[in-house]
Amino acid sequence: MLGKTLAKIDRFYPILAVVLIALSVLVLISLKSVLSGLTTSSEFDPDIAEAKTKIDSENLTKAYKAVFEKEVLKLNLAQ
């Protein structure tokens, strides 16, 4: 009986070591790909986005007035 138990224990640890090594390799590969994606996404190429933006101040003023200077409807709840 003791021989069967020791044989099972002796097989368990090498299998556990192989599984843990395989999982650690998988985690390292995943971490490397995530960090390389973050590095790539943080790089900015100024040639892609050219600075040709125009701000129409008249339309901006109209929009500001439409939002902040509109009449507030007051409810008369005393009726």
PDB file of N, CA and C in Angstrom:
ATOM      1  N   MET A   1       0.816  -1.192   0.000  1.00  0.00           N
ATOM      2  CA  MET A   1       0.000   0.000   0.000  1.00  0.00           C
ATOM      3  C   MET A   1       0.862   1.260   0.000  1.00  0.00           C
ATOM      4  N   LEU A   2       1.907   1.243   0.805  1.00  0.00           N
ATOM      5  CA  LEU A   2       2.800   2.392   0.895  1.00  0.00           C
ATOM      6  C   LEU A   2       3.565   2.597  -0.413  1.00  0.00           C
ATOM      7  N   GLY A   3       3.872   1.501  -1.110  1.00  0.00           N
ATOM      8  CA  GLY A   3       4.581   1.598  -2.380  1.00  0.00           C
ATOM      9  C   GLY A   3       3.751   2.268  -3.451  1.00  0.00           C
ATOM     10  N   LYS A   4       2.429   2.020  -3.479  1.00  0.00           N
ATOM     11  CA  LYS A   4       1.548   2.668  -4.450  1.00  0.00           C
ATOM     12  C   LYS A   4       1.443   4.165  -4.174  1.00  0.00           C
ATOM     13  N   THR A   5       1.362   4.537  -2.915  1.00  0.00           N
ATOM     14  CA  THR A   5       1.259   5.938  -2.543  1.00  0.00           C
ATOM     15  C   THR A   5       2.531   6.687  -2.935  1.00  0.00           C
ATOM     16  N   LEU A   6       3.682   6.105  -2.662  1.00  0.00           N
ATOM     17  CA  LEU A   6       4.939   6.758  -3.024  1.00  0.00           C
ATOM     18  C   LEU A   6       5.105   6.846  -4.534  1.00  0.00           C
ATOM     19  N   ALA A   7       4.632   5.865  -5.265  1.00  0.00           N
ATOM     20  CA  ALA A   7       4.721   5.901  -6.727  1.00  0.00           C
ATOM     21  C   ALA A   7       3.842   7.017  -7.279  1.00  0.00           C
ATOM     22  N   LYS A   8       2.655   7.222  -6.686  1.00  0.00           N
ATOM     23  CA  LYS A   8       1.767   8.305  -7.139  1.00  0.00           C
ATOM     24  C   LYS A   8       2.373   9.665  -6.815  1.00  0.00           C
ATOM     25  N   ILE A   9       2.980   9.786  -5.641  1.00  0.00           N
ATOM     26  CA  ILE A   9       3.596  11.059  -5.255  1.00  0.00           C
ATOM     27  C   ILE A   9       4.793  11.342  -6.158  1.00  0.00           C
ATOM     28  N   ASP A  10       5.572  10.321  -6.485  1.00  0.00           N
ATOM     29  CA  ASP A  10       6.742  10.518  -7.325  1.00  0.00           C
ATOM     30  C   ASP A  10       6.362  10.951  -8.735  1.00  0.00           C
ATOM     31  N   ARG A  11       5.217  10.522  -9.250  1.00  0.00           N
ATOM     32  CA  ARG A  11       4.750  10.948 -10.571  1.00  0.00           C
ATOM     33  C   ARG A  11       4.120  12.335 -10.535  1.00  0.00           C
ATOM     34  N   PHE A  12       3.581  12.725  -9.393  1.00  0.00           N
ATOM     35  CA  PHE A  12       2.862  13.991  -9.279  1.00  0.00           C
ATOM     36  C   PHE A  12       3.785  15.195  -9.452  1.00  0.00           C
ATOM     37  N   TYR A  13       4.917  15.207  -8.798  1.00  0.00           N
ATOM     38  CA  TYR A  13       5.787  16.380  -8.808  1.00  0.00           C
ATOM     39  C   TYR A  13       6.409  16.690 -10.170  1.00  0.00           C
ATOM     40  N   PRO A  14       6.845  15.720 -10.942  1.00  0.00           N
ATOM     41  CA  PRO A  14       7.332  16.069 -12.287  1.00  0.00           C
ATOM     42  C   PRO A  14       6.221  16.616 -13.196  1.00  0.00           C
ATOM     43  N   ILE A  15       5.023  16.044 -13.076  1.00  0.00           N
ATOM     44  CA  ILE A  15       3.905  16.560 -13.874  1.00  0.00           C
ATOM     45  C   ILE A  15       3.560  17.978 -13.441  1.00  0.00           C
ATOM     46  N   LEU A  16       3.554  18.225 -12.126  1.00  0.00           N
ATOM     47  CA  LEU A  16       3.293  19.569 -11.610  1.00  0.00           C
ATOM     48  C   LEU A  16       4.346  20.553 -12.105  1.00  0.00           C
ATOM     49  N   ALA A  17       5.598  20.153 -12.110  1.00  0.00           N
ATOM     50  CA  ALA A  17       6.677  21.038 -12.572  1.00  0.00           C
ATOM     51  C   ALA A  17       6.511  21.368 -14.049  1.00  0.00           C
ATOM     52  N   VAL A  18       6.152  20.384 -14.867  1.00  0.00           N
ATOM     53  CA  VAL A  18       5.971  20.620 -16.302  1.00  0.00           C
ATOM     54  C   VAL A  18       4.801  21.568 -16.541  1.00  0.00           C
ATOM     55  N   VAL A  19       3.705  21.369 -15.816  1.00  0.00           N
ATOM     56  CA  VAL A  19       2.530  22.237 -15.979  1.00  0.00           C
ATOM     57  C   VAL A  19       2.845  23.661 -15.546  1.00  0.00           C
ATOM     58  N   LEU A  20       3.538  23.824 -14.420  1.00  0.00           N
ATOM     59  CA  LEU A  20       3.888  25.168 -13.948  1.00  0.00           C
ATOM     60  C   LEU A  20       4.842  25.875 -14.906  1.00  0.00           C
ATOM     61  N   ILE A  21       5.784  25.158 -15.460  1.00  0.00           N
ATOM     62  CA  ILE A  21       6.706  25.761 -16.433  1.00  0.00           C
ATOM     63  C   ILE A  21       5.944  26.180 -17.687  1.00  0.00           C
ATOM     64  N   ALA A  22       5.037  25.333 -18.154  1.00  0.00           N
ATOM     65  CA  ALA A  22       4.256  25.670 -19.344  1.00  0.00           C
ATOM     66  C   ALA A  22       3.379  26.902 -19.092  1.00  0.00           C
ATOM     67  N   LEU A  23       2.756  26.970 -17.922  1.00  0.00           N
ATOM     68  CA  LEU A  23       1.927  28.139 -17.599  1.00  0.00           C
ATOM     69  C   LEU A  23       2.762  29.403 -17.459  1.00  0.00           C
ATOM     70  N   SER A  24       3.944  29.295 -16.891  1.00  0.00           N
ATOM     71  CA  SER A  24       4.782  30.491 -16.752  1.00  0.00           C
ATOM     72  C   SER A  24       5.248  30.991 -18.117  1.00  0.00           C
ATOM     73  N   VAL A  25       5.547  30.082 -19.039  1.00  0.00           N
ATOM     74  CA  VAL A  25       5.925  30.492 -20.398  1.00  0.00           C
ATOM     75  C   VAL A  25       4.744  31.180 -21.078  1.00  0.00           C
ATOM     76  N   LEU A  26       3.555  30.641 -20.901  1.00  0.00           N
ATOM     77  CA  LEU A  26       2.358  31.247 -21.492  1.00  0.00           C
ATOM     78  C   LEU A  26       2.102  32.640 -20.932  1.00  0.00           C
ATOM     79  N   VAL A  27       2.267  32.804 -19.619  1.00  0.00           N
ATOM     80  CA  VAL A  27       2.081  34.119 -18.996  1.00  0.00           C
ATOM     81  C   VAL A  27       3.124  35.110 -19.500  1.00  0.00           C
ATOM     82  N   LEU A  28       4.373  34.686 -19.614  1.00  0.00           N
ATOM     83  CA  LEU A  28       5.426  35.592 -20.093  1.00  0.00           C
ATOM     84  C   LEU A  28       5.182  36.029 -21.534  1.00  0.00           C
ATOM     85  N   ILE A  29       4.743  35.099 -22.387  1.00  0.00           N
ATOM     86  CA  ILE A  29       4.458  35.458 -23.781  1.00  0.00           C
ATOM     87  C   ILE A  29       3.287  36.434 -23.848  1.00  0.00           C
ATOM     88  N   SER A  30       2.254  36.192 -23.049  1.00  0.00           N
ATOM     89  CA  SER A  30       1.099  37.092 -23.035  1.00  0.00           C
ATOM     90  C   SER A  30       1.488  38.477 -22.533  1.00  0.00           C
ATOM     91  N   LEU A  31       2.267  38.516 -21.465  1.00  0.00           N
ATOM     92  CA  LEU A  31       2.700  39.794 -20.915  1.00  0.00           C
ATOM     93  C   LEU A  31       3.568  40.556 -21.908  1.00  0.00           C
ATOM     94  N   LYS A  32       4.428  39.850 -22.610  1.00  0.00           N
ATOM     95  CA  LYS A  32       5.285  40.495 -23.611  1.00  0.00           C
ATOM     96  C   LYS A  32       4.451  41.096 -24.738  1.00  0.00           C
ATOM     97  N   SER A  33       3.434  40.373 -25.195  1.00  0.00           N
ATOM     98  CA  SER A  33       2.611  40.899 -26.291  1.00  0.00           C
ATOM     99  C   SER A  33       1.771  42.089 -25.839  1.00  0.00           C
ATOM    100  N   VAL A  34       1.266  42.062 -24.607  1.00  0.00           N
ATOM    101  CA  VAL A  34       0.490  43.199 -24.099  1.00  0.00           C
ATOM    102  C   VAL A  34       1.379  44.427 -23.952  1.00  0.00           C
ATOM    103  N   LEU A  35       2.561  44.254 -23.397  1.00  0.00           N
ATOM    104  CA  LEU A  35       3.457  45.398 -23.222  1.00  0.00           C
ATOM    105  C   LEU A  35       3.969  45.937 -24.556  1.00  0.00           C
ATOM    106  N   SER A  36       4.179  45.076 -25.530  1.00  0.00           N
ATOM    107  CA  SER A  36       4.603  45.568 -26.836  1.00  0.00           C
ATOM    108  C   SER A  36       3.456  46.319 -27.515  1.00  0.00           C
ATOM    109  N   GLY A  37       2.224  45.880 -27.307  1.00  0.00           N
ATOM    110  CA  GLY A  37       1.076  46.612 -27.837  1.00  0.00           C
ATOM    111  C   GLY A  37       0.933  47.978 -27.196  1.00  0.00           C
ATOM    112  N   LEU A  38       1.183  48.064 -25.887  1.00  0.00           N
ATOM    113  CA  LEU A  38       1.137  49.365 -25.217  1.00  0.00           C
ATOM    114  C   LEU A  38       2.233  50.290 -25.726  1.00  0.00           C
ATOM    115  N   THR A  39       3.397  49.755 -25.948  1.00  0.00           N
ATOM    116  CA  THR A  39       4.496  50.567 -26.472  1.00  0.00           C
ATOM    117  C   THR A  39       4.181  51.082 -27.871  1.00  0.00           C
ATOM    118  N   THR A  40       3.618  50.214 -28.701  1.00  0.00           N
ATOM    119  CA  THR A  40       3.268  50.612 -30.062  1.00  0.00           C
ATOM    120  C   THR A  40       2.161  51.666 -30.057  1.00  0.00           C
ATOM    121  N   SER A  41       1.192  51.503 -29.177  1.00  0.00           N
ATOM    122  CA  SER A  41       0.079  52.450 -29.162  1.00  0.00           C
ATOM    123  C   SER A  41       0.478  53.798 -28.585  1.00  0.00           C
ATOM    124  N   SER A  42       1.533  53.849 -27.788  1.00  0.00           N
ATOM    125  CA  SER A  42       1.941  55.132 -27.213  1.00  0.00           C
ATOM    126  C   SER A  42       2.789  55.957 -28.177  1.00  0.00           C
ATOM    127  N   GLU A  43       3.281  55.344 -29.234  1.00  0.00           N
ATOM    128  CA  GLU A  43       4.061  56.096 -30.213  1.00  0.00           C
ATOM    129  C   GLU A  43       3.115  56.899 -31.091  1.00  0.00           C
ATOM    130  N   PHE A  44       3.461  58.142 -31.338  1.00  0.00           N
ATOM    131  CA  PHE A  44       2.621  59.021 -32.138  1.00  0.00           C
ATOM    132  C   PHE A  44       3.423  59.513 -33.330  1.00  0.00           C
ATOM    133  N   ASP A  45       2.856  59.349 -34.510  1.00  0.00           N
ATOM    134  CA  ASP A  45       3.501  59.806 -35.730  1.00  0.00           C
ATOM    135  C   ASP A  45       2.851  61.122 -36.148  1.00  0.00           C
ATOM    136  N   PRO A  46       3.550  62.240 -36.055  1.00  0.00           N
ATOM    137  CA  PRO A  46       2.929  63.526 -36.381  1.00  0.00           C
ATOM    138  C   PRO A  46       2.585  63.670 -37.869  1.00  0.00           C
ATOM    139  N   ASP A  47       3.146  62.849 -38.725  1.00  0.00           N
ATOM    140  CA  ASP A  47       2.823  62.945 -40.148  1.00  0.00           C
ATOM    141  C   ASP A  47       1.419  62.436 -40.452  1.00  0.00           C
ATOM    142  N   ILE A  48       0.884  61.606 -39.572  1.00  0.00           N
ATOM    143  CA  ILE A  48      -0.448  61.051 -39.810  1.00  0.00           C
ATOM    144  C   ILE A  48      -1.515  62.133 -39.655  1.00  0.00           C
ATOM    145  N   ALA A  49      -1.435  62.880 -38.578  1.00  0.00           N
ATOM    146  CA  ALA A  49      -2.445  63.907 -38.301  1.00  0.00           C
ATOM    147  C   ALA A  49      -1.835  65.274 -38.582  1.00  0.00           C
ATOM    148  N   GLU A  50      -2.265  65.873 -39.648  1.00  0.00           N
ATOM    149  CA  GLU A  50      -1.760  67.206 -39.970  1.00  0.00           C
ATOM    150  C   GLU A  50      -2.587  68.249 -39.234  1.00  0.00           C
ATOM    151  N   ALA A  51      -1.947  69.320 -38.858  1.00  0.00           N
ATOM    152  CA  ALA A  51      -2.614  70.375 -38.092  1.00  0.00           C
ATOM    153  C   ALA A  51      -3.255  71.374 -39.037  1.00  0.00           C
ATOM    154  N   LYS A  52      -4.406  71.023 -39.580  1.00  0.00           N
ATOM    155  CA  LYS A  52      -5.132  71.918 -40.473  1.00  0.00           C
ATOM    156  C   LYS A  52      -6.531  72.173 -39.914  1.00  0.00           C
ATOM    157  N   THR A  53      -6.605  72.486 -38.649  1.00  0.00           N
ATOM    158  CA  THR A  53      -7.912  72.711 -38.044  1.00  0.00           C
ATOM    159  C   THR A  53      -8.244  74.189 -38.085  1.00  0.00           C
ATOM    160  N   LYS A  54      -9.469  74.481 -38.422  1.00  0.00           N
ATOM    161  CA  LYS A  54      -9.969  75.854 -38.418  1.00  0.00           C
ATOM    162  C   LYS A  54     -11.096  75.938 -37.402  1.00  0.00           C
ATOM    163  N   ILE A  55     -11.114  77.012 -36.642  1.00  0.00           N
ATOM    164  CA  ILE A  55     -12.194  77.234 -35.693  1.00  0.00           C
ATOM    165  C   ILE A  55     -12.986  78.429 -36.194  1.00  0.00           C
ATOM    166  N   ASP A  56     -14.241  78.181 -36.468  1.00  0.00           N
ATOM    167  CA  ASP A  56     -15.126  79.255 -36.901  1.00  0.00           C
ATOM    168  C   ASP A  56     -15.669  79.924 -35.646  1.00  0.00           C
ATOM    169  N   SER A  57     -15.133  81.086 -35.321  1.00  0.00           N
ATOM    170  CA  SER A  57     -15.488  81.739 -34.059  1.00  0.00           C
ATOM    171  C   SER A  57     -16.944  82.193 -34.040  1.00  0.00           C
ATOM    172  N   GLU A  58     -17.501  82.509 -35.209  1.00  0.00           N
ATOM    173  CA  GLU A  58     -18.901  82.932 -35.251  1.00  0.00           C
ATOM    174  C   GLU A  58     -19.832  81.778 -34.861  1.00  0.00           C
ATOM    175  N   ASN A  59     -19.595  80.608 -35.432  1.00  0.00           N
ATOM    176  CA  ASN A  59     -20.404  79.451 -35.079  1.00  0.00           C
ATOM    177  C   ASN A  59     -20.169  79.028 -33.628  1.00  0.00           C
ATOM    178  N   LEU A  60     -18.958  79.184 -33.151  1.00  0.00           N
ATOM    179  CA  LEU A  60     -18.662  78.851 -31.772  1.00  0.00           C
ATOM    180  C   LEU A  60     -19.402  79.780 -30.818  1.00  0.00           C
ATOM    181  N   THR A  61     -19.462  81.044 -31.156  1.00  0.00           N
ATOM    182  CA  THR A  61     -20.195  82.002 -30.330  1.00  0.00           C
ATOM    183  C   THR A  61     -21.687  81.709 -30.339  1.00  0.00           C
ATOM    184  N   LYS A  62     -22.228  81.360 -31.504  1.00  0.00           N
ATOM    185  CA  LYS A  62     -23.647  81.004 -31.591  1.00  0.00           C
ATOM    186  C   LYS A  62     -23.963  79.769 -30.755  1.00  0.00           C
ATOM    187  N   ALA A  63     -23.117  78.802 -30.816  1.00  0.00           N
ATOM    188  CA  ALA A  63     -23.336  77.579 -30.043  1.00  0.00           C
ATOM    189  C   ALA A  63     -23.248  77.863 -28.547  1.00  0.00           C
ATOM    190  N   TYR A  64     -22.312  78.704 -28.136  1.00  0.00           N
ATOM    191  CA  TYR A  64     -22.189  79.061 -26.726  1.00  0.00           C
ATOM    192  C   TYR A  64     -23.441  79.768 -26.236  1.00  0.00           C
ATOM    193  N   LYS A  65     -23.920  80.705 -27.047  1.00  0.00           N
ATOM    194  CA  LYS A  65     -25.133  81.433 -26.660  1.00  0.00           C
ATOM    195  C   LYS A  65     -26.343  80.517 -26.621  1.00  0.00           C
ATOM    196  N   ALA A  66     -26.437  79.601 -27.552  1.00  0.00           N
ATOM    197  CA  ALA A  66     -27.574  78.684 -27.586  1.00  0.00           C
ATOM    198  C   ALA A  66     -27.607  77.789 -26.358  1.00  0.00           C
ATOM    199  N   VAL A  67     -26.447  77.451 -25.841  1.00  0.00           N
ATOM    200  CA  VAL A  67     -26.411  76.552 -24.689  1.00  0.00           C
ATOM    201  C   VAL A  67     -26.536  77.293 -23.372  1.00  0.00           C
ATOM    202  N   PHE A  68     -25.800  78.370 -23.208  1.00  0.00           N
ATOM    203  CA  PHE A  68     -25.717  79.000 -21.902  1.00  0.00           C
ATOM    204  C   PHE A  68     -26.636  80.206 -21.719  1.00  0.00           C
ATOM    205  N   GLU A  69     -27.219  80.724 -22.764  1.00  0.00           N
ATOM    206  CA  GLU A  69     -28.076  81.895 -22.616  1.00  0.00           C
ATOM    207  C   GLU A  69     -29.515  81.614 -23.023  1.00  0.00           C
ATOM    208  N   LYS A  70     -29.936  80.380 -22.981  1.00  0.00           N
ATOM    209  CA  LYS A  70     -31.314  80.065 -23.335  1.00  0.00           C
ATOM    210  C   LYS A  70     -32.221  80.299 -22.137  1.00  0.00           C
ATOM    211  N   GLU A  71     -33.487  80.483 -22.415  1.00  0.00           N
ATOM    212  CA  GLU A  71     -34.451  80.723 -21.354  1.00  0.00           C
ATOM    213  C   GLU A  71     -34.719  79.427 -20.604  1.00  0.00           C
ATOM    214  N   VAL A  72     -34.828  79.570 -19.313  1.00  0.00           N
ATOM    215  CA  VAL A  72     -35.135  78.415 -18.481  1.00  0.00           C
ATOM    216  C   VAL A  72     -36.631  78.410 -18.225  1.00  0.00           C
ATOM    217  N   LEU A  73     -37.262  77.311 -18.540  1.00  0.00           N
ATOM    218  CA  LEU A  73     -38.697  77.194 -18.303  1.00  0.00           C
ATOM    219  C   LEU A  73     -38.928  76.907 -16.822  1.00  0.00           C
ATOM    220  N   LYS A  74     -39.763  77.756 -16.213  1.00  0.00           N
ATOM    221  CA  LYS A  74     -40.050  77.568 -14.801  1.00  0.00           C
ATOM    222  C   LYS A  74     -41.417  76.915 -14.660  1.00  0.00           C
ATOM    223  N   LEU A  75     -41.475  75.932 -13.829  1.00  0.00           N
ATOM    224  CA  LEU A  75     -42.721  75.232 -13.592  1.00  0.00           C
ATOM    225  C   LEU A  75     -43.430  75.840 -12.390  1.00  0.00           C
ATOM    226  N   ASN A  76     -44.726  76.060 -12.557  1.00  0.00           N
ATOM    227  CA  ASN A  76     -45.521  76.565 -11.458  1.00  0.00           C
ATOM    228  C   ASN A  76     -46.259  75.386 -10.853  1.00  0.00           C
ATOM    229  N   LEU A  77     -45.751  74.886  -9.770  1.00  0.00           N
ATOM    230  CA  LEU A  77     -46.312  73.692  -9.161  1.00  0.00           C
ATOM    231  C   LEU A  77     -47.408  74.007  -8.159  1.00  0.00           C
ATOM    232  N   ALA A  78     -47.687  75.278  -7.955  1.00  0.00           N
ATOM    233  CA  ALA A  78     -48.695  75.687  -6.962  1.00  0.00           C
ATOM    234  C   ALA A  78     -50.107  75.552  -7.503  1.00  0.00           C
ATOM    235  N   GLN A  79     -50.283  75.238  -8.747  1.00  0.00           N
ATOM    236  CA  GLN A  79     -51.626  75.187  -9.337  1.00  0.00           C
ATOM    237  C   GLN A  79     -52.413  74.014  -8.858  1.00  0.00           C
TER     238      GLN A  79
END
